[in-house]
Amino acid sequence: MTLSPTAFAGKTVLVTGASTGIGLGIATAFAAHGANVALTARGAERLRAVTDALAAAGHAVLACPMDTASLPEIRATVDAVVQKFGGLDILCANAGIYPVTPIDQLTEAEWDLVMDTNAKGSFFAMQACLPHLRKSGAGRVILTSSVTGPITGITGLTHYGASKAAQLGFMRAAAMELAKDGITVNAVLPGMIETEALAALGAEFVQSSINLIPVRRLGSVDDIANAVMFFAAPENGFITGQGLVIDGGQSLPEAPE
């Protein structure tokens, strides 16, 4: 579907983990299509820099430094968003971390940090936004899950994989529970996306990943943002409880070519 530059005019969007990578791509896309966008992240300096850049380009944005694993912080953020923009229509629960640690070196503290940020953070964000999504009449929740965990696996990311699979179980039950309120709950499952975090894993890892992708390129943040906006569009209120894989076909091959 083709979205007009004003497709989300009058809508307010909250994007967690929005100072870099996929989250920033999602926030930028919604802003470019007329939405009011609140961006959250733990790193206040970087968050304010990207939000100031969007504001300078003429977009209606708000920087909200916070820890997505803290329910009081996200509730305060939602209050600030509603106070500024008058409501809240779309939640993009995108915040996530993926430290690479082998099982025999993985500590309880690191396991809890990943689960709290990735899985519990999605729950907290939805719970805090829920009263306003109900008032919207056409609330939308889009989770950023991953192919890693639900479909594939990567050595050193057992905690990350578990958290991303947990998001999908949460999504399905939440979609059923909130359907009566006109709220849809869906998820995007990115594969290898060209972000700062992926680049930090090293050129060798990146190239080996490209070699496994049938379309022979990394995904872009725009590839993910386009899918998120599809789920968020008012016309797509009959789609809920679904996960969309966006990986260039990486999860398809049964054996190496």
C-alpha atoms as a PDB file:
ATOM      1  CA  MET A   1       0.000   0.000   0.000  1.00  0.00           C
ATOM      2  CA  THR A   2       1.121   3.561  -0.709  1.00  0.00           C
ATOM      3  CA  LEU A   3       0.880   6.006   2.167  1.00  0.00           C
ATOM      4  CA  SER A   4       0.377   9.704   1.610  1.00  0.00           C
ATOM      5  CA  PRO A   5       2.620  12.214   3.414  1.00  0.00           C
ATOM      6  CA  THR A   6      -0.333  12.956   5.711  1.00  0.00           C
ATOM      7  CA  ALA A   7      -1.402   9.331   6.292  1.00  0.00           C
ATOM      8  CA  PHE A   8      -0.955   9.644  10.058  1.00  0.00           C
ATOM      9  CA  ALA A   9      -1.861  13.309  10.486  1.00  0.00           C
ATOM     10  CA  GLY A  10      -3.572  13.813  13.829  1.00  0.00           C
ATOM     11  CA  LYS A  11      -2.242  10.499  15.185  1.00  0.00           C
ATOM     12  CA  THR A  12       0.198  10.301  18.082  1.00  0.00           C
ATOM     13  CA  VAL A  13       2.837   7.576  18.149  1.00  0.00           C
ATOM     14  CA  LEU A  14       5.093   6.438  20.989  1.00  0.00           C
ATOM     15  CA  VAL A  15       8.267   4.629  19.895  1.00  0.00           C
ATOM     16  CA  THR A  16      10.488   3.029  22.542  1.00  0.00           C
ATOM     17  CA  GLY A  17      14.187   2.534  21.891  1.00  0.00           C
ATOM     18  CA  ALA A  18      14.061   5.295  19.296  1.00  0.00           C
ATOM     19  CA  SER A  19      17.455   6.995  19.481  1.00  0.00           C
ATOM     20  CA  THR A  20      19.207   4.634  17.032  1.00  0.00           C
ATOM     21  CA  GLY A  21      18.659   1.893  14.489  1.00  0.00           C
ATOM     22  CA  ILE A  22      15.231   0.424  13.847  1.00  0.00           C
ATOM     23  CA  GLY A  23      13.501   2.569  16.465  1.00  0.00           C
ATOM     24  CA  LEU A  24      14.820   5.789  14.974  1.00  0.00           C
ATOM     25  CA  GLY A  25      13.806   4.573  11.520  1.00  0.00           C
ATOM     26  CA  ILE A  26      10.266   3.899  12.739  1.00  0.00           C
ATOM     27  CA  ALA A  27      10.006   7.283  14.466  1.00  0.00           C
ATOM     28  CA  THR A  28      11.351   9.113  11.422  1.00  0.00           C
ATOM     29  CA  ALA A  29       8.915   7.355   9.087  1.00  0.00           C
ATOM     30  CA  PHE A  30       5.881   8.195  11.193  1.00  0.00           C
ATOM     31  CA  ALA A  31       7.008  11.818  11.523  1.00  0.00           C
ATOM     32  CA  ALA A  32       7.461  12.025   7.749  1.00  0.00           C
ATOM     33  CA  HIS A  33       3.862  10.860   7.333  1.00  0.00           C
ATOM     34  CA  GLY A  34       2.373  13.535   9.562  1.00  0.00           C
ATOM     35  CA  ALA A  35       2.231  11.907  12.999  1.00  0.00           C
ATOM     36  CA  ASN A  36       3.086  13.422  16.345  1.00  0.00           C
ATOM     37  CA  VAL A  37       5.943  11.227  17.558  1.00  0.00           C
ATOM     38  CA  ALA A  38       7.305  10.671  21.063  1.00  0.00           C
ATOM     39  CA  LEU A  39      10.742   9.041  21.101  1.00  0.00           C
ATOM     40  CA  THR A  40      12.090   7.236  24.159  1.00  0.00           C
ATOM     41  CA  ALA A  41      15.517   5.840  25.026  1.00  0.00           C
ATOM     42  CA  ARG A  42      17.797   5.493  28.030  1.00  0.00           C
ATOM     43  CA  GLY A  43      20.567   7.638  26.512  1.00  0.00           C
ATOM     44  CA  ALA A  44      19.253  11.171  26.978  1.00  0.00           C
ATOM     45  CA  GLU A  45      21.984  12.996  25.045  1.00  0.00           C
ATOM     46  CA  ARG A  46      21.673  10.934  21.859  1.00  0.00           C
ATOM     47  CA  LEU A  47      17.875  10.947  22.138  1.00  0.00           C
ATOM     48  CA  ARG A  48      17.699  14.728  22.333  1.00  0.00           C
ATOM     49  CA  ALA A  49      20.082  15.098  19.401  1.00  0.00           C
ATOM     50  CA  VAL A  50      17.955  12.990  17.047  1.00  0.00           C
ATOM     51  CA  THR A  51      14.719  14.534  18.304  1.00  0.00           C
ATOM     52  CA  ASP A  52      16.106  18.048  17.797  1.00  0.00           C
ATOM     53  CA  ALA A  53      17.033  17.083  14.221  1.00  0.00           C
ATOM     54  CA  LEU A  54      13.491  15.891  13.530  1.00  0.00           C
ATOM     55  CA  ALA A  55      12.038  19.046  15.072  1.00  0.00           C
ATOM     56  CA  ALA A  56      14.344  21.193  12.931  1.00  0.00           C
ATOM     57  CA  ALA A  57      12.913  19.431   9.879  1.00  0.00           C
ATOM     58  CA  GLY A  58       9.453  20.618  10.895  1.00  0.00           C
ATOM     59  CA  HIS A  59       8.128  17.486  12.599  1.00  0.00           C
ATOM     60  CA  ALA A  60       6.071  17.383  15.809  1.00  0.00           C
ATOM     61  CA  VAL A  61       8.231  15.340  18.176  1.00  0.00           C
ATOM     62  CA  LEU A  62       8.950  14.886  21.872  1.00  0.00           C
ATOM     63  CA  ALA A  63      12.055  13.427  23.529  1.00  0.00           C
ATOM     64  CA  CYS A  64      11.302  11.222  26.541  1.00  0.00           C
ATOM     65  CA  PRO A  65      14.409   9.787  28.255  1.00  0.00           C
ATOM     66  CA  MET A  66      13.393   6.684  30.197  1.00  0.00           C
ATOM     67  CA  ASP A  67      14.124   3.056  30.979  1.00  0.00           C
ATOM     68  CA  THR A  68      11.527   0.849  29.302  1.00  0.00           C
ATOM     69  CA  ALA A  69      11.941  -1.720  32.093  1.00  0.00           C
ATOM     70  CA  SER A  70      10.644   0.806  34.652  1.00  0.00           C
ATOM     71  CA  LEU A  71       6.859   0.962  34.879  1.00  0.00           C
ATOM     72  CA  PRO A  72       6.836   4.272  36.812  1.00  0.00           C
ATOM     73  CA  GLU A  73       9.079   5.868  34.182  1.00  0.00           C
ATOM     74  CA  ILE A  74       6.983   4.758  31.240  1.00  0.00           C
ATOM     75  CA  ARG A  75       3.781   5.821  32.969  1.00  0.00           C
ATOM     76  CA  ALA A  76       5.282   9.279  33.500  1.00  0.00           C
ATOM     77  CA  THR A  77       6.338   9.325  29.850  1.00  0.00           C
ATOM     78  CA  VAL A  78       2.844   8.426  28.641  1.00  0.00           C
ATOM     79  CA  ASP A  79       1.388  11.198  30.811  1.00  0.00           C
ATOM     80  CA  ALA A  80       3.819  13.683  29.234  1.00  0.00           C
ATOM     81  CA  VAL A  81       2.959  12.524  25.722  1.00  0.00           C
ATOM     82  CA  VAL A  82      -0.780  12.822  26.297  1.00  0.00           C
ATOM     83  CA  GLN A  83      -0.357  16.226  27.915  1.00  0.00           C
ATOM     84  CA  LYS A  84       1.594  17.523  24.905  1.00  0.00           C
ATOM     85  CA  PHE A  85      -0.319  15.928  22.045  1.00  0.00           C
ATOM     86  CA  GLY A  86      -3.757  15.343  23.557  1.00  0.00           C
ATOM     87  CA  GLY A  87      -3.868  11.567  23.221  1.00  0.00           C
ATOM     88  CA  LEU A  88      -2.061   8.432  22.091  1.00  0.00           C
ATOM     89  CA  ASP A  89      -3.020   6.173  19.188  1.00  0.00           C
ATOM     90  CA  ILE A  90      -0.057   3.947  18.309  1.00  0.00           C
ATOM     91  CA  LEU A  91       2.547   2.185  20.436  1.00  0.00           C
ATOM     92  CA  CYS A  92       5.702   0.822  18.812  1.00  0.00           C
ATOM     93  CA  ALA A  93       7.367  -1.274  21.530  1.00  0.00           C
ATOM     94  CA  ASN A  94      10.783  -1.487  19.944  1.00  0.00           C
ATOM     95  CA  ALA A  95      13.328  -1.161  22.765  1.00  0.00           C
ATOM     96  CA  GLY A  96      15.665  -4.123  22.950  1.00  0.00           C
ATOM     97  CA  ILE A  97      19.206  -5.198  23.760  1.00  0.00           C
ATOM     98  CA  TYR A  98      21.267  -8.208  22.709  1.00  0.00           C
ATOM     99  CA  PRO A  99      24.559  -8.706  24.555  1.00  0.00           C
ATOM    100  CA  VAL A 100      26.358 -11.770  23.201  1.00  0.00           C
ATOM    101  CA  THR A 101      27.209 -14.230  25.992  1.00  0.00           C
ATOM    102  CA  PRO A 102      27.735 -18.020  25.896  1.00  0.00           C
ATOM    103  CA  ILE A 103      25.416 -20.063  28.116  1.00  0.00           C
ATOM    104  CA  ASP A 104      28.166 -21.146  30.494  1.00  0.00           C
ATOM    105  CA  GLN A 105      29.121 -17.492  31.091  1.00  0.00           C
ATOM    106  CA  LEU A 106      25.604 -16.083  31.240  1.00  0.00           C
ATOM    107  CA  THR A 107      24.703 -14.644  34.638  1.00  0.00           C
ATOM    108  CA  GLU A 108      21.277 -14.371  36.185  1.00  0.00           C
ATOM    109  CA  ALA A 109      21.673 -10.594  36.200  1.00  0.00           C
ATOM    110  CA  GLU A 110      22.294 -10.447  32.446  1.00  0.00           C
ATOM    111  CA  TRP A 111      19.432 -12.857  31.713  1.00  0.00           C
ATOM    112  CA  ASP A 112      17.101 -10.677  33.785  1.00  0.00           C
ATOM    113  CA  LEU A 113      18.335  -7.467  32.116  1.00  0.00           C
ATOM    114  CA  VAL A 114      17.572  -8.804  28.629  1.00  0.00           C
ATOM    115  CA  MET A 115      14.194 -10.247  29.607  1.00  0.00           C
ATOM    116  CA  ASP A 116      13.237  -7.098  31.524  1.00  0.00           C
ATOM    117  CA  THR A 117      14.161  -4.801  28.643  1.00  0.00           C
ATOM    118  CA  ASN A 118      12.845  -6.836  25.733  1.00  0.00           C
ATOM    119  CA  ALA A 119       9.866  -8.780  27.065  1.00  0.00           C
ATOM    120  CA  LYS A 120       8.739  -7.075  30.257  1.00  0.00           C
ATOM    121  CA  GLY A 121       9.373  -3.694  28.639  1.00  0.00           C
ATOM    122  CA  SER A 122       6.788  -4.507  25.966  1.00  0.00           C
ATOM    123  CA  PHE A 123       4.258  -5.450  28.645  1.00  0.00           C
ATOM    124  CA  PHE A 124       4.941  -2.305  30.681  1.00  0.00           C
ATOM    125  CA  ALA A 125       4.639  -0.078  27.615  1.00  0.00           C
ATOM    126  CA  MET A 126       1.337  -1.623  26.574  1.00  0.00           C
ATOM    127  CA  GLN A 127      -0.119  -1.472  30.074  1.00  0.00           C
ATOM    128  CA  ALA A 128       0.824   2.191  30.491  1.00  0.00           C
ATOM    129  CA  CYS A 129      -0.583   3.140  27.075  1.00  0.00           C
ATOM    130  CA  LEU A 130      -3.735   1.043  27.269  1.00  0.00           C
ATOM    131  CA  PRO A 131      -6.205   3.624  28.664  1.00  0.00           C
ATOM    132  CA  HIS A 132      -5.307   6.034  25.876  1.00  0.00           C
ATOM    133  CA  LEU A 133      -5.271   3.382  23.147  1.00  0.00           C
ATOM    134  CA  ARG A 134      -8.832   2.504  24.211  1.00  0.00           C
ATOM    135  CA  LYS A 135      -9.877   6.143  23.945  1.00  0.00           C
ATOM    136  CA  SER A 136      -8.356   6.310  20.476  1.00  0.00           C
ATOM    137  CA  GLY A 137     -10.992   3.954  19.118  1.00  0.00           C
ATOM    138  CA  ALA A 138      -8.470   2.489  16.674  1.00  0.00           C
ATOM    139  CA  GLY A 139      -5.458   1.801  18.859  1.00  0.00           C
ATOM    140  CA  ARG A 140      -2.475   0.035  17.379  1.00  0.00           C
ATOM    141  CA  VAL A 141       0.347  -1.847  19.091  1.00  0.00           C
ATOM    142  CA  ILE A 142       3.319  -3.065  17.079  1.00  0.00           C
ATOM    143  CA  LEU A 143       6.059  -5.051  18.795  1.00  0.00           C
ATOM    144  CA  THR A 144       9.569  -5.386  17.413  1.00  0.00           C
ATOM    145  CA  SER A 145      10.342  -9.066  17.865  1.00  0.00           C
ATOM    146  CA  SER A 146      12.966 -10.890  15.747  1.00  0.00           C
ATOM    147  CA  VAL A 147      13.518 -13.984  13.659  1.00  0.00           C
ATOM    148  CA  THR A 148      16.097 -14.876  16.309  1.00  0.00           C
ATOM    149  CA  GLY A 149      14.279 -16.967  18.892  1.00  0.00           C
ATOM    150  CA  PRO A 150      10.905 -17.520  17.235  1.00  0.00           C
ATOM    151  CA  ILE A 151      12.417 -18.999  14.036  1.00  0.00           C
ATOM    152  CA  THR A 152      16.213 -19.091  14.113  1.00  0.00           C
ATOM    153  CA  GLY A 153      18.994 -19.134  16.694  1.00  0.00           C
ATOM    154  CA  ILE A 154      22.367 -17.471  17.136  1.00  0.00           C
ATOM    155  CA  THR A 155      25.122 -18.721  19.438  1.00  0.00           C
ATOM    156  CA  GLY A 156      25.432 -16.496  22.488  1.00  0.00           C
ATOM    157  CA  LEU A 157      21.913 -15.105  22.262  1.00  0.00           C
ATOM    158  CA  THR A 158      19.869 -17.601  24.283  1.00  0.00           C
ATOM    159  CA  HIS A 159      18.466 -14.857  26.516  1.00  0.00           C
ATOM    160  CA  TYR A 160      17.673 -12.626  23.544  1.00  0.00           C
ATOM    161  CA  GLY A 161      15.998 -15.469  21.644  1.00  0.00           C
ATOM    162  CA  ALA A 162      13.901 -16.338  24.676  1.00  0.00           C
ATOM    163  CA  SER A 163      12.782 -12.728  25.086  1.00  0.00           C
ATOM    164  CA  LYS A 164      11.778 -12.376  21.443  1.00  0.00           C
ATOM    165  CA  ALA A 165       9.796 -15.609  21.469  1.00  0.00           C
ATOM    166  CA  ALA A 166       8.097 -14.411  24.662  1.00  0.00           C
ATOM    167  CA  GLN A 167       6.948 -11.253  22.890  1.00  0.00           C
ATOM    168  CA  LEU A 168       5.006 -13.323  20.344  1.00  0.00           C
ATOM    169  CA  GLY A 169       3.199 -15.347  23.000  1.00  0.00           C
ATOM    170  CA  PHE A 170       2.295 -12.107  24.731  1.00  0.00           C
ATOM    171  CA  MET A 171       1.146 -10.622  21.408  1.00  0.00           C
ATOM    172  CA  ARG A 172      -1.314 -13.405  20.627  1.00  0.00           C
ATOM    173  CA  ALA A 173      -3.037 -13.345  24.006  1.00  0.00           C
ATOM    174  CA  ALA A 174      -3.081  -9.545  24.097  1.00  0.00           C
ATOM    175  CA  ALA A 175      -4.572  -9.392  20.595  1.00  0.00           C
ATOM    176  CA  MET A 176      -7.492 -11.547  21.739  1.00  0.00           C
ATOM    177  CA  GLU A 177      -7.977  -9.621  24.966  1.00  0.00           C
ATOM    178  CA  LEU A 178      -7.943  -6.155  23.372  1.00  0.00           C
ATOM    179  CA  ALA A 179      -9.879  -6.860  20.174  1.00  0.00           C
ATOM    180  CA  LYS A 180     -13.122  -5.810  21.839  1.00  0.00           C
ATOM    181  CA  ASP A 181     -11.579  -2.359  22.374  1.00  0.00           C
ATOM    182  CA  GLY A 182     -10.739  -1.922  18.699  1.00  0.00           C
ATOM    183  CA  ILE A 183      -7.026  -2.315  19.454  1.00  0.00           C
ATOM    184  CA  THR A 184      -4.860  -4.468  17.213  1.00  0.00           C
ATOM    185  CA  VAL A 185      -1.602  -6.053  18.383  1.00  0.00           C
ATOM    186  CA  ASN A 186       0.940  -7.254  15.821  1.00  0.00           C
ATOM    187  CA  ALA A 187       4.685  -7.762  15.521  1.00  0.00           C
ATOM    188  CA  VAL A 188       7.492  -7.340  13.029  1.00  0.00           C
ATOM    189  CA  LEU A 189      10.244  -9.975  13.024  1.00  0.00           C
ATOM    190  CA  PRO A 190      13.362  -8.397  11.515  1.00  0.00           C
ATOM    191  CA  GLY A 191      16.264 -10.428  10.238  1.00  0.00           C
ATOM    192  CA  MET A 192      19.680  -8.859   9.692  1.00  0.00           C
ATOM    193  CA  ILE A 193      19.105  -5.104   9.498  1.00  0.00           C
ATOM    194  CA  GLU A 194      21.784  -2.529   8.724  1.00  0.00           C
ATOM    195  CA  THR A 195      22.167  -0.711  12.044  1.00  0.00           C
ATOM    196  CA  GLU A 196      24.959   0.568  14.257  1.00  0.00           C
ATOM    197  CA  ALA A 197      24.478  -2.399  16.579  1.00  0.00           C
ATOM    198  CA  LEU A 198      24.911  -4.917  13.761  1.00  0.00           C
ATOM    199  CA  ALA A 199      27.989  -3.127  12.460  1.00  0.00           C
ATOM    200  CA  ALA A 200      29.519  -3.360  15.949  1.00  0.00           C
ATOM    201  CA  LEU A 201      29.567  -7.155  15.590  1.00  0.00           C
ATOM    202  CA  GLY A 202      32.276  -6.790  12.948  1.00  0.00           C
ATOM    203  CA  ALA A 203      32.652  -6.808   9.175  1.00  0.00           C
ATOM    204  CA  GLU A 204      33.251 -10.551   9.015  1.00  0.00           C
ATOM    205  CA  PHE A 205      30.007 -11.303  10.831  1.00  0.00           C
ATOM    206  CA  VAL A 206      28.083  -8.861   8.644  1.00  0.00           C
ATOM    207  CA  GLN A 207      29.413 -10.347   5.405  1.00  0.00           C
ATOM    208  CA  SER A 208      28.747 -13.896   6.557  1.00  0.00           C
ATOM    209  CA  SER A 209      25.197 -12.839   7.338  1.00  0.00           C
ATOM    210  CA  ILE A 210      24.707 -11.324   3.875  1.00  0.00           C
ATOM    211  CA  ASN A 211      25.907 -14.581   2.354  1.00  0.00           C
ATOM    212  CA  LEU A 212      23.000 -16.371   4.066  1.00  0.00           C
ATOM    213  CA  ILE A 213      20.330 -13.980   2.791  1.00  0.00           C
ATOM    214  CA  PRO A 214      18.751 -14.998  -0.537  1.00  0.00           C
ATOM    215  CA  VAL A 215      18.265 -11.376  -1.655  1.00  0.00           C
ATOM    216  CA  ARG A 216      21.984 -10.808  -0.907  1.00  0.00           C
ATOM    217  CA  ARG A 217      21.707  -7.640   1.131  1.00  0.00           C
ATOM    218  CA  LEU A 218      21.004  -6.503   4.648  1.00  0.00           C
ATOM    219  CA  GLY A 219      17.597  -5.100   5.422  1.00  0.00           C
ATOM    220  CA  SER A 220      17.219  -1.370   5.991  1.00  0.00           C
ATOM    221  CA  VAL A 221      15.445   0.402   8.820  1.00  0.00           C
ATOM    222  CA  ASP A 222      12.987   1.621   6.181  1.00  0.00           C
ATOM    223  CA  ASP A 223      12.078  -2.001   5.384  1.00  0.00           C
ATOM    224  CA  ILE A 224      10.978  -2.402   8.995  1.00  0.00           C
ATOM    225  CA  ALA A 225       9.336   1.010   9.293  1.00  0.00           C
ATOM    226  CA  ASN A 226       7.213   0.355   6.207  1.00  0.00           C
ATOM    227  CA  ALA A 227       5.876  -2.854   7.756  1.00  0.00           C
ATOM    228  CA  VAL A 228       5.179  -1.132  11.068  1.00  0.00           C
ATOM    229  CA  MET A 229       3.210   1.612   9.318  1.00  0.00           C
ATOM    230  CA  PHE A 230       1.256  -1.056   7.429  1.00  0.00           C
ATOM    231  CA  PHE A 231       0.105  -2.574  10.713  1.00  0.00           C
ATOM    232  CA  ALA A 232      -0.624   0.885  12.117  1.00  0.00           C
ATOM    233  CA  ALA A 233      -2.690   2.169   9.205  1.00  0.00           C
ATOM    234  CA  PRO A 234      -6.382   2.780   9.949  1.00  0.00           C
ATOM    235  CA  GLU A 235      -7.328   0.624   6.947  1.00  0.00           C
ATOM    236  CA  ASN A 236      -5.750  -2.477   8.506  1.00  0.00           C
ATOM    237  CA  GLY A 237      -7.865  -2.903  11.601  1.00  0.00           C
ATOM    238  CA  PHE A 238      -8.810  -6.468  10.604  1.00  0.00           C
ATOM    239  CA  ILE A 239      -5.231  -7.704  11.081  1.00  0.00           C
ATOM    240  CA  THR A 240      -4.298  -8.655  14.629  1.00  0.00           C
ATOM    241  CA  GLY A 241      -2.190 -11.221  16.463  1.00  0.00           C
ATOM    242  CA  GLN A 242       0.169 -11.603  13.499  1.00  0.00           C
ATOM    243  CA  GLY A 243       3.938 -11.612  13.154  1.00  0.00           C
ATOM    244  CA  LEU A 244       5.502 -10.500   9.862  1.00  0.00           C
ATOM    245  CA  VAL A 245       8.964 -11.863   9.014  1.00  0.00           C
ATOM    246  CA  ILE A 246      11.159  -9.290   7.270  1.00  0.00           C
ATOM    247  CA  ASP A 247      14.455 -11.032   6.593  1.00  0.00           C
ATOM    248  CA  GLY A 248      15.089 -11.145   2.850  1.00  0.00           C
ATOM    249  CA  GLY A 249      14.339 -14.849   2.899  1.00  0.00           C
ATOM    250  CA  GLN A 250      17.127 -15.683   5.356  1.00  0.00           C
ATOM    251  CA  SER A 251      14.979 -18.121   7.336  1.00  0.00           C
ATOM    252  CA  LEU A 252      13.847 -20.037   4.227  1.00  0.00           C
ATOM    253  CA  PRO A 253      16.769 -22.242   3.067  1.00  0.00           C
ATOM    254  CA  GLU A 254      16.722 -25.832   4.248  1.00  0.00           C
ATOM    255  CA  ALA A 255      20.400 -26.249   3.360  1.00  0.00           C
ATOM    256  CA  PRO A 256      23.248 -24.037   2.093  1.00  0.00           C
ATOM    257  CA  GLU A 257      23.256 -23.448  -1.645  1.00  0.00           C
END
